[in-house]
């Protein structure tokens, strides 16, 4: 890590972000994040953060109910395997997350917060 990243305590920020991750795969993504010096890219990303913050302030956050990995049970189901009770529970949580997010996006469109 370069001296500017150390001075800005990027490692502290990344550790805080990682500590808020629930799913292990997300923690790995955070572990591989690197600081950027591309001003155009950073401004574009800050615009996205700004937009997300405005949505959260106006509509609440998007409903996210997944707390575990679900890719394994999806692969198993696609191969015709038998899902365990835990796998079925994860599948229902995934379905509900998708359903509630579709409703959330419809609300954003109805309120003209995002384009239709």
N, C-alpha and C. Protein backbone atom coordinates (compact mmCIF):
# COMPACT_ATOMS: atom_id res chain seq x y z
N UNK A 1 0.85 -1.17 0.00
CA UNK A 1 0.00 0.00 0.00
C UNK A 1 0.89 1.23 0.00
N UNK A 2 0.58 2.20 -0.86
CA UNK A 2 1.44 3.38 -0.94
C UNK A 2 1.22 4.33 0.24
N UNK A 3 2.06 5.35 0.32
CA UNK A 3 2.03 6.24 1.49
C UNK A 3 0.73 7.04 1.59
N UNK A 4 0.11 7.35 0.42
CA UNK A 4 -1.16 8.09 0.46
C UNK A 4 -2.29 7.22 0.99
N UNK A 5 -2.30 5.96 0.58
CA UNK A 5 -3.31 5.03 1.08
C UNK A 5 -3.15 4.83 2.59
N UNK A 6 -1.90 4.80 3.03
CA UNK A 6 -1.66 4.66 4.48
C UNK A 6 -2.11 5.91 5.22
N UNK A 7 -1.79 7.06 4.64
CA UNK A 7 -2.17 8.33 5.28
C UNK A 7 -3.70 8.48 5.33
N UNK A 8 -4.38 8.02 4.30
CA UNK A 8 -5.84 8.08 4.25
C UNK A 8 -6.50 6.94 5.03
N UNK A 9 -5.67 6.05 5.56
CA UNK A 9 -6.13 4.89 6.33
C UNK A 9 -7.13 4.04 5.54
N UNK A 10 -6.77 3.78 4.28
CA UNK A 10 -7.60 2.95 3.43
C UNK A 10 -7.79 1.56 4.05
N UNK A 11 -6.75 1.05 4.69
CA UNK A 11 -6.86 -0.27 5.32
C UNK A 11 -7.90 -0.27 6.44
N UNK A 12 -8.00 0.82 7.17
CA UNK A 12 -9.01 0.93 8.24
C UNK A 12 -10.41 0.94 7.63
N UNK A 13 -10.57 1.69 6.54
CA UNK A 13 -11.87 1.77 5.85
C UNK A 13 -12.26 0.40 5.31
N UNK A 14 -11.31 -0.28 4.66
CA UNK A 14 -11.60 -1.60 4.10
C UNK A 14 -11.92 -2.62 5.20
N UNK A 15 -11.22 -2.54 6.33
CA UNK A 15 -11.53 -3.43 7.45
C UNK A 15 -12.93 -3.18 7.98
N UNK A 16 -13.32 -1.91 8.09
CA UNK A 16 -14.67 -1.56 8.56
C UNK A 16 -15.71 -2.09 7.58
N UNK A 17 -15.43 -1.92 6.29
CA UNK A 17 -16.34 -2.43 5.27
C UNK A 17 -16.45 -3.94 5.35
N UNK A 18 -15.33 -4.61 5.47
CA UNK A 18 -15.31 -6.07 5.57
C UNK A 18 -16.09 -6.56 6.78
N UNK A 19 -15.96 -5.85 7.90
CA UNK A 19 -16.66 -6.24 9.12
C UNK A 19 -18.18 -6.12 8.99
N UNK A 20 -18.63 -5.34 8.01
CA UNK A 20 -20.07 -5.20 7.79
C UNK A 20 -20.60 -6.17 6.74
N UNK A 21 -19.71 -6.95 6.16
CA UNK A 21 -20.13 -7.95 5.17
C UNK A 21 -20.68 -9.18 5.89
N UNK A 22 -21.73 -9.73 5.37
CA UNK A 22 -22.35 -10.91 5.97
C UNK A 22 -21.89 -12.18 5.26
N UNK A 23 -21.87 -12.12 3.94
CA UNK A 23 -21.57 -13.29 3.13
C UNK A 23 -20.06 -13.36 2.87
N UNK A 24 -19.50 -14.54 3.02
CA UNK A 24 -18.05 -14.74 2.87
C UNK A 24 -17.54 -14.29 1.51
N UNK A 25 -18.30 -14.54 0.46
CA UNK A 25 -17.89 -14.15 -0.89
C UNK A 25 -17.71 -12.62 -0.98
N UNK A 26 -18.57 -11.89 -0.31
CA UNK A 26 -18.48 -10.43 -0.30
C UNK A 26 -17.23 -9.98 0.44
N UNK A 27 -16.89 -10.67 1.52
CA UNK A 27 -15.67 -10.35 2.26
C UNK A 27 -14.44 -10.52 1.36
N UNK A 28 -14.46 -11.57 0.54
CA UNK A 28 -13.33 -11.81 -0.38
C UNK A 28 -13.22 -10.69 -1.42
N UNK A 29 -14.37 -10.19 -1.87
CA UNK A 29 -14.36 -9.08 -2.83
C UNK A 29 -13.72 -7.86 -2.18
N UNK A 30 -14.09 -7.58 -0.94
CA UNK A 30 -13.51 -6.44 -0.22
C UNK A 30 -12.01 -6.64 -0.03
N UNK A 31 -11.61 -7.87 0.27
CA UNK A 31 -10.18 -8.16 0.46
C UNK A 31 -9.36 -7.85 -0.79
N UNK A 32 -9.99 -7.90 -1.97
CA UNK A 32 -9.28 -7.67 -3.23
C UNK A 32 -9.45 -6.26 -3.78
N UNK A 33 -10.13 -5.39 -3.03
CA UNK A 33 -10.30 -4.02 -3.49
C UNK A 33 -8.98 -3.27 -3.41
N UNK A 34 -8.76 -2.44 -4.40
CA UNK A 34 -7.56 -1.60 -4.42
C UNK A 34 -7.99 -0.15 -4.61
N UNK A 35 -7.27 0.78 -4.00
CA UNK A 35 -7.60 2.20 -4.21
C UNK A 35 -7.36 2.59 -5.67
N UNK A 36 -8.14 3.53 -6.14
CA UNK A 36 -7.99 4.00 -7.51
C UNK A 36 -7.55 5.46 -7.52
N UNK A 37 -6.80 5.81 -8.53
CA UNK A 37 -6.40 7.21 -8.72
C UNK A 37 -7.03 7.79 -9.99
N UNK A 38 -7.92 7.03 -10.62
CA UNK A 38 -8.60 7.46 -11.83
C UNK A 38 -9.76 8.40 -11.45
N UNK A 39 -9.54 9.69 -11.63
CA UNK A 39 -10.51 10.69 -11.20
C UNK A 39 -11.86 10.54 -11.88
N UNK A 40 -11.87 10.22 -13.17
CA UNK A 40 -13.13 10.02 -13.88
C UNK A 40 -13.92 8.86 -13.28
N UNK A 41 -13.24 7.76 -13.05
CA UNK A 41 -13.85 6.58 -12.45
C UNK A 41 -14.38 6.91 -11.05
N UNK A 42 -13.57 7.58 -10.24
CA UNK A 42 -13.97 7.92 -8.87
C UNK A 42 -15.20 8.84 -8.85
N UNK A 43 -15.22 9.83 -9.74
CA UNK A 43 -16.39 10.72 -9.82
C UNK A 43 -17.63 9.97 -10.23
N UNK A 44 -17.49 9.04 -11.18
CA UNK A 44 -18.62 8.22 -11.62
C UNK A 44 -19.15 7.37 -10.46
N UNK A 45 -18.25 6.77 -9.71
CA UNK A 45 -18.65 5.95 -8.57
C UNK A 45 -19.28 6.79 -7.46
N UNK A 46 -18.76 7.98 -7.24
CA UNK A 46 -19.35 8.88 -6.24
C UNK A 46 -20.75 9.31 -6.65
N UNK A 47 -20.98 9.49 -7.95
CA UNK A 47 -22.33 9.80 -8.43
C UNK A 47 -23.29 8.66 -8.09
N UNK A 48 -22.82 7.43 -8.25
CA UNK A 48 -23.66 6.27 -7.92
C UNK A 48 -23.97 6.23 -6.42
N UNK A 49 -22.98 6.53 -5.61
CA UNK A 49 -23.18 6.55 -4.15
C UNK A 49 -24.18 7.64 -3.78
N UNK A 50 -24.04 8.79 -4.42
CA UNK A 50 -24.96 9.90 -4.19
C UNK A 50 -26.40 9.50 -4.53
N UNK A 51 -26.56 8.84 -5.67
CA UNK A 51 -27.88 8.40 -6.10
C UNK A 51 -28.46 7.37 -5.12
N UNK A 52 -27.63 6.44 -4.69
CA UNK A 52 -28.08 5.43 -3.73
C UNK A 52 -28.49 6.07 -2.42
N UNK A 53 -27.73 7.05 -1.97
CA UNK A 53 -28.04 7.74 -0.72
C UNK A 53 -29.38 8.47 -0.83
N UNK A 54 -29.61 9.11 -1.96
CA UNK A 54 -30.88 9.80 -2.18
C UNK A 54 -32.06 8.81 -2.16
N UNK A 55 -31.86 7.65 -2.76
CA UNK A 55 -32.91 6.63 -2.76
C UNK A 55 -33.18 6.15 -1.34
N UNK A 56 -32.11 5.90 -0.59
CA UNK A 56 -32.27 5.42 0.79
C UNK A 56 -32.98 6.46 1.64
N UNK A 57 -32.60 7.73 1.47
CA UNK A 57 -33.23 8.79 2.25
C UNK A 57 -34.71 8.93 1.91
N UNK A 58 -35.06 8.68 0.67
CA UNK A 58 -36.44 8.87 0.23
C UNK A 58 -37.30 7.63 0.37
N UNK A 59 -36.71 6.45 0.13
CA UNK A 59 -37.52 5.23 0.03
C UNK A 59 -37.10 4.13 1.01
N UNK A 60 -36.06 4.29 1.74
CA UNK A 60 -35.49 3.25 2.58
C UNK A 60 -34.55 2.41 1.72
N UNK A 61 -33.86 1.50 2.33
CA UNK A 61 -32.88 0.71 1.58
C UNK A 61 -33.56 -0.45 0.86
N UNK A 62 -32.88 -0.98 -0.11
CA UNK A 62 -33.39 -2.15 -0.83
C UNK A 62 -33.45 -3.34 0.12
N UNK A 63 -34.49 -4.15 0.00
CA UNK A 63 -34.61 -5.31 0.88
C UNK A 63 -33.61 -6.41 0.52
N UNK A 64 -32.67 -6.66 1.41
CA UNK A 64 -31.68 -7.71 1.20
C UNK A 64 -31.81 -8.68 2.37
N UNK A 65 -32.17 -9.91 2.06
CA UNK A 65 -32.42 -10.88 3.12
C UNK A 65 -31.44 -12.04 3.10
N UNK A 66 -30.54 -12.03 2.15
CA UNK A 66 -29.58 -13.14 2.05
C UNK A 66 -28.48 -12.96 3.09
N UNK A 67 -28.26 -13.99 3.86
CA UNK A 67 -27.20 -13.94 4.87
C UNK A 67 -26.20 -15.07 4.68
N UNK A 68 -26.41 -15.88 3.65
CA UNK A 68 -25.53 -17.01 3.39
C UNK A 68 -25.34 -17.18 1.89
N UNK A 69 -24.33 -17.95 1.54
CA UNK A 69 -24.12 -18.28 0.13
C UNK A 69 -25.29 -19.14 -0.35
N UNK A 70 -25.69 -18.96 -1.58
CA UNK A 70 -26.79 -19.75 -2.13
C UNK A 70 -26.44 -20.39 -3.46
N UNK A 71 -25.27 -20.09 -3.98
CA UNK A 71 -24.88 -20.60 -5.30
C UNK A 71 -24.80 -22.12 -5.34
N UNK A 72 -24.33 -22.72 -4.25
CA UNK A 72 -24.19 -24.17 -4.22
C UNK A 72 -25.54 -24.86 -4.36
N UNK A 73 -26.54 -24.37 -3.63
CA UNK A 73 -27.85 -25.03 -3.73
C UNK A 73 -28.50 -24.78 -5.09
N UNK A 74 -28.21 -23.65 -5.72
CA UNK A 74 -28.74 -23.40 -7.06
C UNK A 74 -28.10 -24.38 -8.05
N UNK A 75 -26.77 -24.54 -7.96
CA UNK A 75 -26.09 -25.49 -8.85
C UNK A 75 -26.62 -26.90 -8.65
N UNK A 76 -26.84 -27.28 -7.40
CA UNK A 76 -27.36 -28.61 -7.09
C UNK A 76 -28.76 -28.78 -7.67
N UNK A 77 -29.61 -27.78 -7.51
CA UNK A 77 -30.98 -27.86 -8.04
C UNK A 77 -30.97 -27.93 -9.57
N UNK A 78 -30.09 -27.16 -10.21
CA UNK A 78 -30.02 -27.18 -11.67
C UNK A 78 -29.58 -28.54 -12.21
N UNK A 79 -28.80 -29.26 -11.40
CA UNK A 79 -28.35 -30.60 -11.81
C UNK A 79 -29.37 -31.67 -11.45
N UNK A 80 -30.49 -31.25 -10.85
CA UNK A 80 -31.52 -32.22 -10.46
C UNK A 80 -31.25 -32.89 -9.13
N UNK A 81 -30.35 -32.32 -8.34
CA UNK A 81 -30.02 -32.89 -7.03
C UNK A 81 -31.13 -32.65 -6.02
N UNK A 82 -31.03 -33.33 -4.91
CA UNK A 82 -32.00 -33.18 -3.83
C UNK A 82 -31.51 -32.11 -2.87
N UNK A 83 -32.37 -31.13 -2.62
CA UNK A 83 -32.00 -30.04 -1.72
C UNK A 83 -32.35 -30.41 -0.28
N UNK A 84 -31.47 -30.04 0.62
CA UNK A 84 -31.72 -30.25 2.05
C UNK A 84 -32.73 -29.21 2.53
N UNK A 85 -33.18 -29.36 3.75
CA UNK A 85 -34.10 -28.38 4.33
C UNK A 85 -33.43 -27.01 4.37
N UNK A 86 -32.15 -26.95 4.71
CA UNK A 86 -31.41 -25.69 4.74
C UNK A 86 -31.34 -25.08 3.34
N UNK A 87 -31.10 -25.92 2.33
CA UNK A 87 -31.05 -25.43 0.95
C UNK A 87 -32.40 -24.86 0.53
N UNK A 88 -33.48 -25.53 0.91
CA UNK A 88 -34.82 -25.04 0.59
C UNK A 88 -35.09 -23.71 1.28
N UNK A 89 -34.65 -23.60 2.51
CA UNK A 89 -34.80 -22.35 3.25
C UNK A 89 -34.05 -21.22 2.54
N UNK A 90 -32.81 -21.48 2.11
CA UNK A 90 -32.04 -20.48 1.38
C UNK A 90 -32.71 -20.10 0.07
N UNK A 91 -33.30 -21.08 -0.59
CA UNK A 91 -33.99 -20.84 -1.86
C UNK A 91 -35.19 -19.91 -1.63
N UNK A 92 -35.92 -20.13 -0.56
CA UNK A 92 -37.06 -19.27 -0.23
C UNK A 92 -36.57 -17.85 0.08
N UNK A 93 -35.48 -17.73 0.84
CA UNK A 93 -34.92 -16.41 1.14
C UNK A 93 -34.48 -15.69 -0.14
N UNK A 94 -33.87 -16.43 -1.05
CA UNK A 94 -33.46 -15.85 -2.33
C UNK A 94 -34.68 -15.38 -3.12
N UNK A 95 -35.69 -16.24 -3.19
CA UNK A 95 -36.93 -15.89 -3.90
C UNK A 95 -37.55 -14.63 -3.29
N UNK A 96 -37.65 -14.57 -1.96
CA UNK A 96 -38.24 -13.41 -1.31
C UNK A 96 -37.42 -12.15 -1.54
N UNK A 97 -36.10 -12.28 -1.53
CA UNK A 97 -35.24 -11.13 -1.81
C UNK A 97 -35.51 -10.60 -3.22
N UNK A 98 -35.59 -11.50 -4.19
CA UNK A 98 -35.87 -11.10 -5.57
C UNK A 98 -37.24 -10.45 -5.67
N UNK A 99 -38.24 -11.08 -5.07
CA UNK A 99 -39.61 -10.57 -5.12
C UNK A 99 -39.71 -9.17 -4.51
N UNK A 100 -39.15 -8.98 -3.31
CA UNK A 100 -39.23 -7.69 -2.65
C UNK A 100 -38.42 -6.62 -3.37
N UNK A 101 -37.31 -7.01 -4.00
CA UNK A 101 -36.53 -6.04 -4.76
C UNK A 101 -37.24 -5.64 -6.04
N UNK A 102 -37.96 -6.56 -6.66
CA UNK A 102 -38.75 -6.19 -7.84
C UNK A 102 -39.82 -5.17 -7.45
N UNK A 103 -40.44 -5.38 -6.31
CA UNK A 103 -41.44 -4.44 -5.80
C UNK A 103 -40.79 -3.09 -5.47
N UNK A 104 -39.60 -3.14 -4.90
CA UNK A 104 -38.86 -1.92 -4.56
C UNK A 104 -38.53 -1.13 -5.82
N UNK A 105 -38.05 -1.81 -6.85
CA UNK A 105 -37.73 -1.14 -8.12
C UNK A 105 -38.99 -0.55 -8.75
N UNK A 106 -40.11 -1.28 -8.67
CA UNK A 106 -41.38 -0.76 -9.20
C UNK A 106 -41.77 0.53 -8.46
N UNK A 107 -41.54 0.58 -7.16
CA UNK A 107 -41.83 1.78 -6.37
C UNK A 107 -40.94 2.94 -6.80
N UNK A 108 -39.66 2.64 -7.05
CA UNK A 108 -38.74 3.68 -7.51
C UNK A 108 -39.18 4.24 -8.86
N UNK A 109 -39.64 3.37 -9.74
CA UNK A 109 -40.13 3.82 -11.04
C UNK A 109 -41.40 4.64 -10.90
N UNK A 110 -42.31 4.19 -10.04
CA UNK A 110 -43.58 4.89 -9.83
C UNK A 110 -43.34 6.28 -9.28
N UNK A 111 -42.36 6.43 -8.42
CA UNK A 111 -42.03 7.74 -7.83
C UNK A 111 -41.10 8.56 -8.72
N UNK A 112 -40.81 8.02 -9.93
CA UNK A 112 -39.92 8.69 -10.89
C UNK A 112 -38.52 8.93 -10.31
N UNK A 113 -38.08 8.02 -9.45
CA UNK A 113 -36.74 8.12 -8.89
C UNK A 113 -35.73 7.50 -9.86
N UNK A 114 -36.15 6.46 -10.55
CA UNK A 114 -35.32 5.88 -11.60
C UNK A 114 -36.15 5.83 -12.87
N UNK A 115 -35.47 5.70 -14.00
CA UNK A 115 -36.16 5.67 -15.29
C UNK A 115 -36.95 4.40 -15.46
N UNK A 116 -38.06 4.53 -16.17
CA UNK A 116 -38.92 3.37 -16.42
C UNK A 116 -38.42 2.54 -17.56
